[in-house]
Amino acid sequence: MQDFFRLQEGFEDTADMVLTKACKRLVKQLHYEARVQAIITYHGSYLATKVTKKEARDMSMTKEEFMKVNVFEH
């Protein structure tokens, strides 16, 4: 990666701030996507119903239901 992108001298602090902000945003997205996938997986595995990603975005589950789901299996 360093062959293509090089940091200009004097911009180290700015680069750190940009990377920190980007990482925080990506972690939030990761949690959101994991929640949606858990809902889809739960409905498919335990309730034998098909739920689309669009539908799952507006659904919620209890902590117990979330704990039953292993999204890494699928």
PDB file of N, CA and C in Angstrom:
ATOM      1  N   MET A   1       0.826  -1.181   0.000  1.00  0.00           N
ATOM      2  CA  MET A   1       0.000   0.000   0.000  1.00  0.00           C
ATOM      3  C   MET A   1       0.877   1.254   0.000  1.00  0.00           C
ATOM      4  N   GLN A   2       1.996   1.217   0.673  1.00  0.00           N
ATOM      5  CA  GLN A   2       2.856   2.399   0.725  1.00  0.00           C
ATOM      6  C   GLN A   2       3.453   2.714  -0.642  1.00  0.00           C
ATOM      7  N   ASP A   3       3.400   1.786  -1.598  1.00  0.00           N
ATOM      8  CA  ASP A   3       3.886   2.072  -2.940  1.00  0.00           C
ATOM      9  C   ASP A   3       2.993   3.078  -3.649  1.00  0.00           C
ATOM     10  N   PHE A   4       1.721   3.136  -3.267  1.00  0.00           N
ATOM     11  CA  PHE A   4       0.766   3.991  -3.946  1.00  0.00           C
ATOM     12  C   PHE A   4       0.408   5.243  -3.154  1.00  0.00           C
ATOM     13  N   PHE A   5       0.363   5.133  -1.843  1.00  0.00           N
ATOM     14  CA  PHE A   5      -0.070   6.238  -0.999  1.00  0.00           C
ATOM     15  C   PHE A   5       1.047   6.611  -0.027  1.00  0.00           C
ATOM     16  N   ARG A   6       1.456   7.827  -0.107  1.00  0.00           N
ATOM     17  CA  ARG A   6       2.492   8.298   0.808  1.00  0.00           C
ATOM     18  C   ARG A   6       1.969   9.531   1.533  1.00  0.00           C
ATOM     19  N   LEU A   7       2.317   9.625   2.799  1.00  0.00           N
ATOM     20  CA  LEU A   7       1.901  10.740   3.629  1.00  0.00           C
ATOM     21  C   LEU A   7       2.899  11.874   3.482  1.00  0.00           C
ATOM     22  N   GLN A   8       2.390  13.057   3.180  1.00  0.00           N
ATOM     23  CA  GLN A   8       3.272  14.215   3.069  1.00  0.00           C
ATOM     24  C   GLN A   8       3.772  14.598   4.451  1.00  0.00           C
ATOM     25  N   GLU A   9       4.997  15.040   4.505  1.00  0.00           N
ATOM     26  CA  GLU A   9       5.574  15.444   5.777  1.00  0.00           C
ATOM     27  C   GLU A   9       4.758  16.592   6.375  1.00  0.00           C
ATOM     28  N   GLY A  10       4.569  16.518   7.685  1.00  0.00           N
ATOM     29  CA  GLY A  10       3.826  17.560   8.383  1.00  0.00           C
ATOM     30  C   GLY A  10       2.339  17.286   8.503  1.00  0.00           C
ATOM     31  N   PHE A  11       1.842  16.204   7.885  1.00  0.00           N
ATOM     32  CA  PHE A  11       0.414  15.891   7.921  1.00  0.00           C
ATOM     33  C   PHE A  11       0.110  14.666   8.780  1.00  0.00           C
ATOM     34  N   GLU A  12       1.053  14.270   9.635  1.00  0.00           N
ATOM     35  CA  GLU A  12       0.865  13.089  10.457  1.00  0.00           C
ATOM     36  C   GLU A  12      -0.331  13.222  11.399  1.00  0.00           C
ATOM     37  N   ASP A  13      -0.474  14.368  12.049  1.00  0.00           N
ATOM     38  CA  ASP A  13      -1.592  14.578  12.973  1.00  0.00           C
ATOM     39  C   ASP A  13      -2.926  14.571  12.242  1.00  0.00           C
ATOM     40  N   THR A  14      -2.968  15.186  11.079  1.00  0.00           N
ATOM     41  CA  THR A  14      -4.197  15.201  10.279  1.00  0.00           C
ATOM     42  C   THR A  14      -4.557  13.792   9.844  1.00  0.00           C
ATOM     43  N   ALA A  15      -3.564  13.023   9.433  1.00  0.00           N
ATOM     44  CA  ALA A  15      -3.811  11.641   9.004  1.00  0.00           C
ATOM     45  C   ALA A  15      -4.350  10.815  10.162  1.00  0.00           C
ATOM     46  N   ASP A  16      -3.798  11.005  11.358  1.00  0.00           N
ATOM     47  CA  ASP A  16      -4.297  10.282  12.531  1.00  0.00           C
ATOM     48  C   ASP A  16      -5.756  10.618  12.809  1.00  0.00           C
ATOM     49  N   MET A  17      -6.118  11.889  12.697  1.00  0.00           N
ATOM     50  CA  MET A  17      -7.506  12.302  12.947  1.00  0.00           C
ATOM     51  C   MET A  17      -8.446  11.701  11.904  1.00  0.00           C
ATOM     52  N   VAL A  18      -8.019  11.719  10.640  1.00  0.00           N
ATOM     53  CA  VAL A  18      -8.854  11.174   9.562  1.00  0.00           C
ATOM     54  C   VAL A  18      -9.040   9.672   9.748  1.00  0.00           C
ATOM     55  N   LEU A  19      -7.966   8.959  10.068  1.00  0.00           N
ATOM     56  CA  LEU A  19      -8.063   7.515  10.270  1.00  0.00           C
ATOM     57  C   LEU A  19      -8.928   7.167  11.476  1.00  0.00           C
ATOM     58  N   THR A  20      -8.803   7.910  12.548  1.00  0.00           N
ATOM     59  CA  THR A  20      -9.615   7.664  13.741  1.00  0.00           C
ATOM     60  C   THR A  20     -11.092   7.856  13.431  1.00  0.00           C
ATOM     61  N   LYS A  21     -11.409   8.913  12.724  1.00  0.00           N
ATOM     62  CA  LYS A  21     -12.808   9.192  12.362  1.00  0.00           C
ATOM     63  C   LYS A  21     -13.356   8.092  11.445  1.00  0.00           C
ATOM     64  N   ALA A  22     -12.552   7.670  10.479  1.00  0.00           N
ATOM     65  CA  ALA A  22     -12.986   6.624   9.548  1.00  0.00           C
ATOM     66  C   ALA A  22     -13.195   5.300  10.282  1.00  0.00           C
ATOM     67  N   CYS A  23     -12.300   4.967  11.198  1.00  0.00           N
ATOM     68  CA  CYS A  23     -12.427   3.715  11.954  1.00  0.00           C
ATOM     69  C   CYS A  23     -13.675   3.715  12.824  1.00  0.00           C
ATOM     70  N   LYS A  24     -13.967   4.829  13.474  1.00  0.00           N
ATOM     71  CA  LYS A  24     -15.170   4.919  14.302  1.00  0.00           C
ATOM     72  C   LYS A  24     -16.424   4.714  13.456  1.00  0.00           C
ATOM     73  N   ARG A  25     -16.448   5.312  12.276  1.00  0.00           N
ATOM     74  CA  ARG A  25     -17.592   5.164  11.375  1.00  0.00           C
ATOM     75  C   ARG A  25     -17.726   3.714  10.923  1.00  0.00           C
ATOM     76  N   LEU A  26     -16.619   3.069  10.603  1.00  0.00           N
ATOM     77  CA  LEU A  26     -16.669   1.686  10.143  1.00  0.00           C
ATOM     78  C   LEU A  26     -17.109   0.727  11.243  1.00  0.00           C
ATOM     79  N   VAL A  27     -16.711   0.980  12.474  1.00  0.00           N
ATOM     80  CA  VAL A  27     -17.147   0.130  13.585  1.00  0.00           C
ATOM     81  C   VAL A  27     -18.654   0.269  13.789  1.00  0.00           C
ATOM     82  N   LYS A  28     -19.178   1.484  13.691  1.00  0.00           N
ATOM     83  CA  LYS A  28     -20.630   1.677  13.803  1.00  0.00           C
ATOM     84  C   LYS A  28     -21.354   0.919  12.702  1.00  0.00           C
ATOM     85  N   GLN A  29     -20.834   0.982  11.466  1.00  0.00           N
ATOM     86  CA  GLN A  29     -21.445   0.263  10.351  1.00  0.00           C
ATOM     87  C   GLN A  29     -21.379  -1.243  10.563  1.00  0.00           C
ATOM     88  N   LEU A  30     -20.275  -1.706  11.110  1.00  0.00           N
ATOM     89  CA  LEU A  30     -20.102  -3.128  11.382  1.00  0.00           C
ATOM     90  C   LEU A  30     -21.152  -3.620  12.377  1.00  0.00           C
ATOM     91  N   HIS A  31     -21.363  -2.882  13.448  1.00  0.00           N
ATOM     92  CA  HIS A  31     -22.383  -3.251  14.440  1.00  0.00           C
ATOM     93  C   HIS A  31     -23.772  -3.255  13.813  1.00  0.00           C
ATOM     94  N   TYR A  32     -24.068  -2.258  12.993  1.00  0.00           N
ATOM     95  CA  TYR A  32     -25.373  -2.170  12.342  1.00  0.00           C
ATOM     96  C   TYR A  32     -25.588  -3.374  11.428  1.00  0.00           C
ATOM     97  N   GLU A  33     -24.600  -3.676  10.594  1.00  0.00           N
ATOM     98  CA  GLU A  33     -24.733  -4.791   9.653  1.00  0.00           C
ATOM     99  C   GLU A  33     -24.814  -6.131  10.380  1.00  0.00           C
ATOM    100  N   ALA A  34     -24.083  -6.282  11.490  1.00  0.00           N
ATOM    101  CA  ALA A  34     -24.150  -7.523  12.261  1.00  0.00           C
ATOM    102  C   ALA A  34     -25.536  -7.701  12.869  1.00  0.00           C
ATOM    103  N   ARG A  35     -26.143  -6.614  13.322  1.00  0.00           N
ATOM    104  CA  ARG A  35     -27.497  -6.686  13.887  1.00  0.00           C
ATOM    105  C   ARG A  35     -28.488  -7.125  12.822  1.00  0.00           C
ATOM    106  N   VAL A  36     -28.412  -6.525  11.642  1.00  0.00           N
ATOM    107  CA  VAL A  36     -29.321  -6.871  10.551  1.00  0.00           C
ATOM    108  C   VAL A  36     -29.130  -8.336  10.152  1.00  0.00           C
ATOM    109  N   GLN A  37     -27.875  -8.775  10.042  1.00  0.00           N
ATOM    110  CA  GLN A  37     -27.610 -10.165   9.660  1.00  0.00           C
ATOM    111  C   GLN A  37     -28.084 -11.132  10.737  1.00  0.00           C
ATOM    112  N   ALA A  38     -27.956 -10.763  11.987  1.00  0.00           N
ATOM    113  CA  ALA A  38     -28.432 -11.619  13.075  1.00  0.00           C
ATOM    114  C   ALA A  38     -29.945 -11.802  12.999  1.00  0.00           C
ATOM    115  N   ILE A  39     -30.650 -10.740  12.686  1.00  0.00           N
ATOM    116  CA  ILE A  39     -32.116 -10.825  12.552  1.00  0.00           C
ATOM    117  C   ILE A  39     -32.490 -11.751  11.402  1.00  0.00           C
ATOM    118  N   ILE A  40     -31.812 -11.610  10.271  1.00  0.00           N
ATOM    119  CA  ILE A  40     -32.086 -12.460   9.106  1.00  0.00           C
ATOM    120  C   ILE A  40     -31.793 -13.920   9.442  1.00  0.00           C
ATOM    121  N   THR A  41     -30.664 -14.163  10.074  1.00  0.00           N
ATOM    122  CA  THR A  41     -30.266 -15.528  10.427  1.00  0.00           C
ATOM    123  C   THR A  41     -31.219 -16.140  11.438  1.00  0.00           C
ATOM    124  N   TYR A  42     -31.618 -15.383  12.435  1.00  0.00           N
ATOM    125  CA  TYR A  42     -32.544 -15.885  13.456  1.00  0.00           C
ATOM    126  C   TYR A  42     -33.868 -16.300  12.816  1.00  0.00           C
ATOM    127  N   HIS A  43     -34.404 -15.446  11.988  1.00  0.00           N
ATOM    128  CA  HIS A  43     -35.689 -15.762  11.359  1.00  0.00           C
ATOM    129  C   HIS A  43     -35.575 -16.981  10.451  1.00  0.00           C
ATOM    130  N   GLY A  44     -34.475 -17.106   9.747  1.00  0.00           N
ATOM    131  CA  GLY A  44     -34.295 -18.261   8.880  1.00  0.00           C
ATOM    132  C   GLY A  44     -34.065 -19.554   9.648  1.00  0.00           C
ATOM    133  N   SER A  45     -33.241 -19.497  10.691  1.00  0.00           N
ATOM    134  CA  SER A  45     -32.874 -20.707  11.434  1.00  0.00           C
ATOM    135  C   SER A  45     -33.916 -21.149  12.446  1.00  0.00           C
ATOM    136  N   TYR A  46     -34.485 -20.217  13.184  1.00  0.00           N
ATOM    137  CA  TYR A  46     -35.372 -20.577  14.297  1.00  0.00           C
ATOM    138  C   TYR A  46     -36.855 -20.444  13.973  1.00  0.00           C
ATOM    139  N   LEU A  47     -37.202 -19.525  13.094  1.00  0.00           N
ATOM    140  CA  LEU A  47     -38.616 -19.321  12.783  1.00  0.00           C
ATOM    141  C   LEU A  47     -38.996 -19.856  11.410  1.00  0.00           C
ATOM    142  N   ALA A  48     -37.989 -20.306  10.650  1.00  0.00           N
ATOM    143  CA  ALA A  48     -38.191 -20.856   9.304  1.00  0.00           C
ATOM    144  C   ALA A  48     -38.955 -19.885   8.397  1.00  0.00           C
ATOM    145  N   THR A  49     -38.633 -18.611   8.531  1.00  0.00           N
ATOM    146  CA  THR A  49     -39.221 -17.599   7.652  1.00  0.00           C
ATOM    147  C   THR A  49     -38.101 -16.832   6.971  1.00  0.00           C
ATOM    148  N   LYS A  50     -38.395 -16.329   5.800  1.00  0.00           N
ATOM    149  CA  LYS A  50     -37.407 -15.557   5.058  1.00  0.00           C
ATOM    150  C   LYS A  50     -37.656 -14.074   5.302  1.00  0.00           C
ATOM    151  N   VAL A  51     -36.610 -13.371   5.663  1.00  0.00           N
ATOM    152  CA  VAL A  51     -36.689 -11.940   5.918  1.00  0.00           C
ATOM    153  C   VAL A  51     -35.656 -11.257   5.033  1.00  0.00           C
ATOM    154  N   THR A  52     -36.082 -10.232   4.325  1.00  0.00           N
ATOM    155  CA  THR A  52     -35.144  -9.490   3.492  1.00  0.00           C
ATOM    156  C   THR A  52     -34.357  -8.507   4.353  1.00  0.00           C
ATOM    157  N   LYS A  53     -33.264  -8.037   3.802  1.00  0.00           N
ATOM    158  CA  LYS A  53     -32.446  -7.068   4.518  1.00  0.00           C
ATOM    159  C   LYS A  53     -33.249  -5.797   4.791  1.00  0.00           C
ATOM    160  N   LYS A  54     -34.057  -5.394   3.834  1.00  0.00           N
ATOM    161  CA  LYS A  54     -34.884  -4.194   3.993  1.00  0.00           C
ATOM    162  C   LYS A  54     -35.862  -4.356   5.151  1.00  0.00           C
ATOM    163  N   GLU A  55     -36.479  -5.530   5.258  1.00  0.00           N
ATOM    164  CA  GLU A  55     -37.416  -5.789   6.354  1.00  0.00           C
ATOM    165  C   GLU A  55     -36.682  -5.860   7.697  1.00  0.00           C
ATOM    166  N   ALA A  56     -35.508  -6.480   7.698  1.00  0.00           N
ATOM    167  CA  ALA A  56     -34.748  -6.675   8.932  1.00  0.00           C
ATOM    168  C   ALA A  56     -34.301  -5.358   9.543  1.00  0.00           C
ATOM    169  N   ARG A  57     -34.095  -4.357   8.724  1.00  0.00           N
ATOM    170  CA  ARG A  57     -33.652  -3.053   9.236  1.00  0.00           C
ATOM    171  C   ARG A  57     -34.640  -2.446  10.221  1.00  0.00           C
ATOM    172  N   ASP A  58     -35.933  -2.738  10.044  1.00  0.00           N
ATOM    173  CA  ASP A  58     -36.968  -2.158  10.899  1.00  0.00           C
ATOM    174  C   ASP A  58     -37.403  -3.095  12.027  1.00  0.00           C
ATOM    175  N   MET A  59     -36.790  -4.269  12.119  1.00  0.00           N
ATOM    176  CA  MET A  59     -37.171  -5.243  13.140  1.00  0.00           C
ATOM    177  C   MET A  59     -36.228  -5.134  14.338  1.00  0.00           C
ATOM    178  N   SER A  60     -36.669  -5.720  15.429  1.00  0.00           N
ATOM    179  CA  SER A  60     -35.807  -5.799  16.605  1.00  0.00           C
ATOM    180  C   SER A  60     -35.989  -7.173  17.230  1.00  0.00           C
ATOM    181  N   MET A  61     -35.048  -7.534  18.096  1.00  0.00           N
ATOM    182  CA  MET A  61     -35.112  -8.815  18.785  1.00  0.00           C
ATOM    183  C   MET A  61     -34.718  -8.597  20.242  1.00  0.00           C
ATOM    184  N   THR A  62     -35.031  -9.575  21.062  1.00  0.00           N
ATOM    185  CA  THR A  62     -34.621  -9.520  22.463  1.00  0.00           C
ATOM    186  C   THR A  62     -33.169  -9.978  22.577  1.00  0.00           C
ATOM    187  N   LYS A  63     -32.587  -9.727  23.713  1.00  0.00           N
ATOM    188  CA  LYS A  63     -31.204 -10.150  23.953  1.00  0.00           C
ATOM    189  C   LYS A  63     -31.091 -11.671  23.840  1.00  0.00           C
ATOM    190  N   GLU A  64     -32.064 -12.386  24.358  1.00  0.00           N
ATOM    191  CA  GLU A  64     -32.052 -13.846  24.308  1.00  0.00           C
ATOM    192  C   GLU A  64     -32.062 -14.356  22.873  1.00  0.00           C
ATOM    193  N   GLU A  65     -32.850 -13.697  22.020  1.00  0.00           N
ATOM    194  CA  GLU A  65     -32.891 -14.093  20.610  1.00  0.00           C
ATOM    195  C   GLU A  65     -31.548 -13.824  19.940  1.00  0.00           C
ATOM    196  N   PHE A  66     -30.950 -12.682  20.223  1.00  0.00           N
ATOM    197  CA  PHE A  66     -29.640 -12.376  19.649  1.00  0.00           C
ATOM    198  C   PHE A  66     -28.599 -13.399  20.096  1.00  0.00           C
ATOM    199  N   MET A  67     -28.668 -13.822  21.336  1.00  0.00           N
ATOM    200  CA  MET A  67     -27.674 -14.750  21.870  1.00  0.00           C
ATOM    201  C   MET A  67     -27.767 -16.135  21.234  1.00  0.00           C
ATOM    202  N   LYS A  68     -28.885 -16.472  20.645  1.00  0.00           N
ATOM    203  CA  LYS A  68     -29.052 -17.766  19.973  1.00  0.00           C
ATOM    204  C   LYS A  68     -28.372 -17.809  18.616  1.00  0.00           C
ATOM    205  N   VAL A  69     -28.108 -16.655  18.044  1.00  0.00           N
ATOM    206  CA  VAL A  69     -27.640 -16.568  16.656  1.00  0.00           C
ATOM    207  C   VAL A  69     -26.114 -16.539  16.602  1.00  0.00           C
ATOM    208  N   ASN A  70     -25.574 -17.335  15.680  1.00  0.00           N
ATOM    209  CA  ASN A  70     -24.152 -17.288  15.373  1.00  0.00           C
ATOM    210  C   ASN A  70     -24.028 -16.914  13.913  1.00  0.00           C
ATOM    211  N   VAL A  71     -23.750 -15.653  13.623  1.00  0.00           N
ATOM    212  CA  VAL A  71     -23.722 -15.176  12.246  1.00  0.00           C
ATOM    213  C   VAL A  71     -22.496 -15.688  11.493  1.00  0.00           C
ATOM    214  N   PHE A  72     -21.518 -16.253  12.183  1.00  0.00           N
ATOM    215  CA  PHE A  72     -20.318 -16.741  11.523  1.00  0.00           C
ATOM    216  C   PHE A  72     -20.515 -18.121  10.909  1.00  0.00           C
ATOM    217  N   GLU A  73     -21.603 -18.797  11.241  1.00  0.00           N
ATOM    218  CA  GLU A  73     -21.883 -20.112  10.682  1.00  0.00           C
ATOM    219  C   GLU A  73     -22.305 -20.026   9.223  1.00  0.00           C
ATOM    220  N   HIS A  74     -22.942 -18.939   8.845  1.00  0.00           N
ATOM    221  CA  HIS A  74     -23.563 -18.858   7.521  1.00  0.00           C
ATOM    222  C   HIS A  74     -22.725 -18.121   6.547  1.00  0.00           C
TER     223      HIS A  74
END
